[in-house]
Amino acid sequence: MPVTSRDGSRPQRGWHRAGHDGGVADPMPSGTYVVVSGPPGSGKTTLARQIAPALGLPLLAKDTIKQALMTVLPVPDVETSRLVGRASVTALLAVAAENAGAVLESVWHRSYAVTDLGRLPGNIVEVFCRCDQRTAAQRYAARTRSREAGHFDADRTIAELWNDDVARPVAGGWLVIEADTTGLVDVTSLVARIRATAAAPSAGPPSAGRPSAATPSTGTPSAPA
């Protein structure tokens, strides 16, 4: 189902939305998908919520979808929770494909995300949240106490949460921006870098053999991630 505005109309390509400072954000190039990736606890959700309005794009977050599904589906164990999580990612990608662009936030597993994201009908810019595992583990433990039981956060193993499949960018042939989310992130500089990357010819649809360009996000810290 496409994302719609409050009056029920579907946003047009190149549409404007309010920026993070309350102003109107300049439109991103039509068909731009900003994929926010990184392991659990790396600050993806916080960062995605900041950059989406600043870019004038809707935010599609896997956990928001999963939370909604768990209100109507029984989730008796961790295996079912994993299945609902995977279904949530599938739903996220289906909604994204029906829109002219979006910020997509999830724990993206490289083993299948390259193919899944590569099916999107547009250009991808990946923002990888790099965070030391100790800090990520502390954040994860803190949120475990406040999240719904159906996530089964306490039953997840270290190997499941922080492994090579999620600890590196997906890097499926598109450009990658790395943001150090251990501390504060300069959101303004990051947004500017995303816009410049999205406008670059190499930000186009993935092609065989095209390398990614992983670059750090720099600048004076101004917002938590």
Protein backbone atom coordinates (compact mmCIF):
# COMPACT_ATOMS: atom_id res chain seq x y z
CA MET A 1 0.00 0.00 0.00
CA PRO A 2 1.55 3.34 -0.96
CA VAL A 3 2.34 5.94 1.66
CA THR A 4 -0.28 8.69 1.45
CA SER A 5 -0.64 12.19 2.79
CA ARG A 6 -3.14 13.11 5.48
CA ASP A 7 -5.81 13.95 2.92
CA GLY A 8 -5.48 10.48 1.45
CA SER A 9 -3.69 11.54 -1.73
CA ARG A 10 -0.56 9.77 -2.87
CA PRO A 11 2.66 11.83 -2.83
CA GLN A 12 3.92 12.75 -6.27
CA ARG A 13 7.48 12.14 -7.43
CA GLY A 14 9.70 14.91 -6.18
CA TRP A 15 7.23 15.79 -3.43
CA HIS A 16 8.16 18.06 -0.50
CA ARG A 17 7.90 17.34 3.22
CA ALA A 18 8.70 19.35 6.30
CA GLY A 19 12.35 19.25 7.27
CA HIS A 20 13.69 18.43 10.73
CA ASP A 21 13.77 22.14 11.59
CA GLY A 22 10.12 22.64 10.62
CA GLY A 23 10.92 24.08 7.20
CA VAL A 24 10.24 22.48 3.83
CA ALA A 25 12.96 20.06 2.79
CA ASP A 26 14.27 20.24 -0.75
CA PRO A 27 13.07 17.23 -2.74
CA MET A 28 15.42 14.32 -3.29
CA PRO A 29 15.89 12.98 -6.83
CA SER A 30 12.85 10.91 -7.73
CA GLY A 31 13.17 7.23 -6.91
CA THR A 32 15.86 7.61 -4.24
CA TYR A 33 15.97 5.00 -1.49
CA VAL A 34 18.17 5.74 1.52
CA VAL A 35 18.93 2.44 3.23
CA VAL A 36 19.97 2.80 6.88
CA SER A 37 21.90 -0.31 7.91
CA GLY A 38 23.96 -1.60 10.81
CA PRO A 39 23.77 -4.19 13.60
CA PRO A 40 21.27 -4.03 16.49
CA GLY A 41 21.91 -1.17 18.89
CA SER A 42 24.00 0.82 16.41
CA GLY A 43 21.63 3.80 16.38
CA LYS A 44 19.79 3.14 13.10
CA THR A 45 16.31 4.06 14.29
CA THR A 46 17.38 7.31 15.94
CA LEU A 47 19.39 8.38 12.91
CA ALA A 48 16.71 7.35 10.40
CA ARG A 49 14.10 9.41 12.27
CA GLN A 50 16.35 12.45 11.99
CA ILE A 51 17.40 12.19 8.35
CA ALA A 52 14.02 11.21 6.84
CA PRO A 53 12.27 14.57 7.41
CA ALA A 54 15.45 16.46 6.59
CA LEU A 55 15.55 14.69 3.23
CA GLY A 56 11.82 15.12 2.61
CA LEU A 57 11.29 11.35 2.48
CA PRO A 58 8.90 9.04 4.32
CA LEU A 59 10.44 6.65 6.85
CA LEU A 60 9.70 2.93 6.58
CA ALA A 61 11.03 1.07 9.61
CA LYS A 62 10.96 -2.70 10.02
CA ASP A 63 10.22 -2.65 13.75
CA THR A 64 7.23 -0.35 13.28
CA ILE A 65 5.73 -2.88 10.89
CA LYS A 66 6.64 -5.81 13.14
CA GLN A 67 5.07 -4.13 16.14
CA ALA A 68 1.81 -3.70 14.20
CA LEU A 69 1.83 -7.32 13.04
CA MET A 70 2.33 -8.54 16.61
CA THR A 71 -0.90 -6.86 17.67
CA VAL A 72 -2.85 -9.34 15.53
CA LEU A 73 -0.50 -12.34 15.22
CA PRO A 74 0.49 -14.66 18.08
CA VAL A 75 4.25 -14.68 18.68
CA PRO A 76 4.80 -17.49 21.20
CA ASP A 77 8.53 -18.05 20.71
CA VAL A 78 11.71 -16.63 19.26
CA GLU A 79 11.45 -18.62 16.02
CA THR A 80 8.03 -17.11 15.34
CA SER A 81 9.45 -13.70 16.17
CA ARG A 82 12.17 -14.19 13.56
CA LEU A 83 9.55 -15.20 11.00
CA VAL A 84 7.41 -12.14 11.73
CA GLY A 85 10.55 -10.02 11.46
CA ARG A 86 11.31 -11.39 8.03
CA ALA A 87 7.70 -10.83 6.97
CA SER A 88 8.02 -7.25 8.18
CA VAL A 89 11.05 -6.67 5.94
CA THR A 90 9.15 -8.15 2.99
CA ALA A 91 6.21 -5.81 3.67
CA LEU A 92 8.57 -2.84 4.05
CA LEU A 93 10.15 -3.52 0.65
CA ALA A 94 6.75 -3.98 -1.01
CA VAL A 95 5.53 -0.60 0.29
CA ALA A 96 8.82 1.04 -0.67
CA ALA A 97 8.54 -0.24 -4.24
CA GLU A 98 5.15 1.49 -4.57
CA ASN A 99 6.59 4.89 -3.66
CA ALA A 100 8.91 7.36 -5.33
CA GLY A 101 11.54 7.01 -2.61
CA ALA A 102 11.91 6.51 1.13
CA VAL A 103 14.29 6.02 4.03
CA LEU A 104 14.36 2.29 4.80
CA GLU A 105 15.55 1.22 8.25
CA SER A 106 16.20 -2.34 9.34
CA VAL A 107 18.92 -4.79 10.30
CA TRP A 108 19.84 -5.71 6.74
CA HIS A 109 21.44 -9.14 6.39
CA ARG A 110 23.93 -8.99 3.53
CA SER A 111 23.32 -12.61 2.52
CA TYR A 112 19.88 -11.75 1.14
CA ALA A 113 19.56 -7.95 1.34
CA VAL A 114 21.72 -7.43 -1.76
CA THR A 115 19.09 -9.21 -3.84
CA ASP A 116 16.06 -7.84 -1.97
CA LEU A 117 17.18 -4.21 -2.12
CA GLY A 118 18.40 -4.61 -5.68
CA ARG A 119 14.80 -5.17 -6.80
CA LEU A 120 13.77 -1.65 -5.76
CA PRO A 121 12.79 0.49 -8.77
CA GLY A 122 15.21 3.32 -8.13
CA ASN A 123 18.59 4.45 -6.87
CA ILE A 124 20.05 3.44 -3.50
CA VAL A 125 22.28 5.31 -1.09
CA GLU A 126 23.26 3.25 1.95
CA VAL A 127 24.02 4.86 5.31
CA PHE A 128 25.84 2.33 7.47
CA CYS A 129 25.80 2.96 11.22
CA ARG A 130 29.20 1.97 12.59
CA CYS A 131 29.28 1.55 16.35
CA ASP A 132 31.58 -0.37 18.68
CA GLN A 133 30.00 -3.60 19.89
CA ARG A 134 30.21 -2.71 23.58
CA THR A 135 28.15 0.45 23.10
CA ALA A 136 25.70 -1.35 20.82
CA ALA A 137 25.28 -4.14 23.40
CA GLN A 138 24.56 -1.61 26.16
CA ARG A 139 21.93 0.10 24.01
CA TYR A 140 20.40 -3.25 23.11
CA ALA A 141 20.18 -4.31 26.77
CA ALA A 142 18.56 -0.98 27.69
CA ARG A 143 15.87 -1.26 25.03
CA THR A 144 15.17 -4.91 25.93
CA ARG A 145 13.53 -3.70 29.14
CA SER A 146 11.07 -1.47 27.29
CA ARG A 147 10.14 -3.44 24.17
CA GLU A 148 7.23 -5.84 23.69
CA ALA A 149 7.85 -9.42 24.80
CA GLY A 150 7.19 -10.66 21.26
CA HIS A 151 10.59 -9.38 20.14
CA PHE A 152 12.27 -11.93 22.47
CA ASP A 153 15.29 -9.64 22.71
CA ALA A 154 16.67 -11.40 25.79
CA ASP A 155 16.70 -14.74 23.95
CA ARG A 156 18.90 -13.58 21.08
CA THR A 157 22.49 -14.80 21.03
CA ILE A 158 25.62 -12.72 20.41
CA ALA A 159 26.21 -14.70 17.22
CA GLU A 160 22.75 -13.78 15.95
CA LEU A 161 22.95 -10.12 16.85
CA TRP A 162 26.51 -9.16 15.88
CA ASN A 163 27.88 -11.24 13.05
CA ASP A 164 29.60 -10.58 9.74
CA ASP A 165 26.27 -10.64 7.91
CA VAL A 166 25.13 -7.43 9.65
CA ALA A 167 28.39 -5.90 10.93
CA ARG A 168 29.38 -4.64 7.49
CA PRO A 169 27.51 -2.56 4.90
CA VAL A 170 25.28 -4.41 2.45
CA ALA A 171 27.21 -2.64 -0.34
CA GLY A 172 25.30 -4.18 -3.23
CA GLY A 173 26.90 -2.03 -5.93
CA TRP A 174 25.54 1.30 -4.68
CA LEU A 175 27.43 4.02 -2.82
CA VAL A 176 27.82 3.71 0.95
CA ILE A 177 28.23 6.44 3.56
CA GLU A 178 29.52 5.32 6.93
CA ALA A 179 28.37 7.24 10.01
CA ASP A 180 30.09 6.75 13.35
CA THR A 181 27.10 6.39 15.67
CA THR A 182 29.04 5.50 18.81
CA GLY A 183 28.53 9.09 19.95
CA LEU A 184 26.90 12.12 18.35
CA VAL A 185 26.31 12.55 14.62
CA ASP A 186 26.37 15.81 12.71
CA VAL A 187 23.01 15.27 11.02
CA THR A 188 23.23 18.40 8.89
CA SER A 189 26.54 17.32 7.35
CA LEU A 190 25.29 13.77 6.91
CA VAL A 191 22.16 14.93 5.10
CA ALA A 192 24.28 17.08 2.79
CA ARG A 193 26.49 14.10 2.01
CA ILE A 194 23.45 11.91 1.28
CA ARG A 195 22.07 14.53 -1.11
CA ALA A 196 25.41 14.84 -2.92
CA THR A 197 25.73 11.06 -3.18
CA ALA A 198 22.17 10.66 -4.46
CA ALA A 199 22.88 13.19 -7.21
CA ALA A 200 26.04 11.40 -8.34
CA PRO A 201 25.79 9.22 -11.49
CA SER A 202 27.26 6.28 -9.55
CA ALA A 203 24.23 6.28 -7.25
CA GLY A 204 22.16 4.74 -10.03
CA PRO A 205 20.74 1.21 -10.17
CA PRO A 206 23.19 -1.53 -9.11
CA SER A 207 25.24 -3.05 -11.90
CA ALA A 208 27.48 -6.09 -11.94
CA GLY A 209 31.03 -5.38 -10.93
CA ARG A 210 30.46 -1.82 -9.76
CA PRO A 211 32.20 -1.31 -6.39
CA SER A 212 30.72 0.59 -3.50
CA ALA A 213 32.41 3.63 -2.07
CA ALA A 214 32.40 3.51 1.71
CA THR A 215 33.13 6.95 3.09
CA PRO A 216 32.91 8.21 6.68
CA SER A 217 30.50 10.90 7.76
CA THR A 218 32.41 13.73 9.39
CA GLY A 219 31.61 17.03 11.04
CA THR A 220 30.86 18.57 14.40
CA PRO A 221 28.53 16.38 16.47
CA SER A 222 25.10 17.90 16.97
CA ALA A 223 22.51 15.16 17.36
CA PRO A 224 22.39 11.78 19.15
CA ALA A 225 22.17 8.59 17.09
